[in-house]
Protein backbone atom coordinates (compact mmCIF):
# COMPACT_ATOMS: atom_id res chain seq x y z
CA MET A 1 -46.97 -49.72 64.72
CA THR A 2 -46.29 -49.74 60.93
CA THR A 3 -45.11 -46.45 59.59
CA THR A 4 -44.89 -45.28 55.77
CA ALA A 5 -42.14 -43.32 54.20
CA LYS A 6 -42.56 -39.89 54.47
CA PHE A 7 -39.93 -39.39 51.74
CA ARG A 8 -39.67 -40.83 48.32
CA LYS A 9 -35.66 -40.26 48.01
CA ILE A 10 -33.36 -38.62 50.40
CA ILE A 11 -29.81 -37.38 48.89
CA CYS A 12 -26.95 -37.64 51.67
CA LEU A 13 -24.19 -35.34 49.94
CA ASP A 14 -21.16 -36.17 50.22
CA PHE A 15 -21.37 -39.02 52.93
CA ASN A 16 -19.54 -42.18 52.42
CA GLY A 17 -21.54 -44.30 54.18
CA ASP A 18 -18.92 -44.56 57.64
CA GLU A 19 -19.89 -41.10 59.40
CA LEU A 20 -22.93 -42.95 60.99
CA SER A 21 -24.06 -46.23 62.76
CA GLN A 22 -25.64 -48.72 61.34
CA GLU A 23 -28.54 -47.80 63.74
CA TYR A 24 -28.75 -44.48 62.60
CA TRP A 25 -28.81 -45.41 58.73
CA ASP A 26 -31.55 -47.35 59.49
CA GLN A 27 -33.68 -44.86 61.26
CA ILE A 28 -33.28 -42.60 57.97
CA ASP A 29 -33.62 -45.55 55.68
CA ASN A 30 -36.98 -45.50 57.71
CA LEU A 31 -38.32 -42.58 56.32
CA SER A 32 -37.85 -42.79 53.15
CA ASN A 33 -38.29 -45.32 50.39
CA LYS A 34 -34.65 -44.65 48.78
CA ARG A 35 -31.34 -43.16 50.18
CA ALA A 36 -28.56 -42.39 47.89
CA VAL A 37 -25.08 -41.55 49.08
CA THR A 38 -23.66 -39.11 46.63
CA THR A 39 -21.32 -36.37 45.57
CA GLU A 40 -22.19 -33.37 44.32
CA LYS A 41 -20.72 -34.23 40.75
CA GLU A 42 -23.65 -37.23 40.88
CA LEU A 43 -26.21 -34.82 41.67
CA SER A 44 -27.94 -34.30 38.80
CA GLN A 45 -28.82 -38.20 38.72
CA HIS A 46 -31.39 -38.00 41.68
CA SER A 47 -33.91 -35.46 40.81
CA ASP A 48 -36.11 -37.20 41.79
CA ALA A 49 -35.08 -36.50 45.48
CA ASP A 50 -37.51 -34.28 47.89
CA ALA A 51 -34.80 -34.47 50.50
CA LEU A 52 -30.89 -33.49 51.43
CA LEU A 53 -29.44 -34.80 53.95
CA VAL A 54 -25.61 -32.92 54.82
CA LYS A 55 -23.34 -33.15 57.44
CA LEU A 56 -22.88 -30.91 60.15
CA GLY A 57 -20.98 -27.92 58.92
CA ALA A 58 -21.47 -28.48 55.30
CA LYS A 59 -21.58 -25.20 52.83
CA ILE A 60 -24.23 -25.46 50.44
CA PRO A 61 -23.74 -23.43 47.09
CA SER A 62 -27.46 -22.16 46.09
CA SER A 63 -26.91 -23.63 42.49
CA ILE A 64 -27.27 -26.95 44.06
CA MET A 65 -30.46 -26.27 46.03
CA ASN A 66 -31.61 -24.84 42.61
CA GLN A 67 -31.39 -28.11 41.18
CA LEU A 68 -33.39 -29.64 44.03
């Protein structure tokens, strides 16, 4: 079965890559052409993203949401 990516780029905000097992990162990667693990400071470098993944319980300021 062939699937196509649903998103161009997913931002994984404030993740370091160790929070999920590789199996789950692979599933996320199947949803997107590109995944960017980044911080709030680096967010402006990813203005082409069309999806945002945040850790459970994270608070996202409206200023970040307005950047996307």
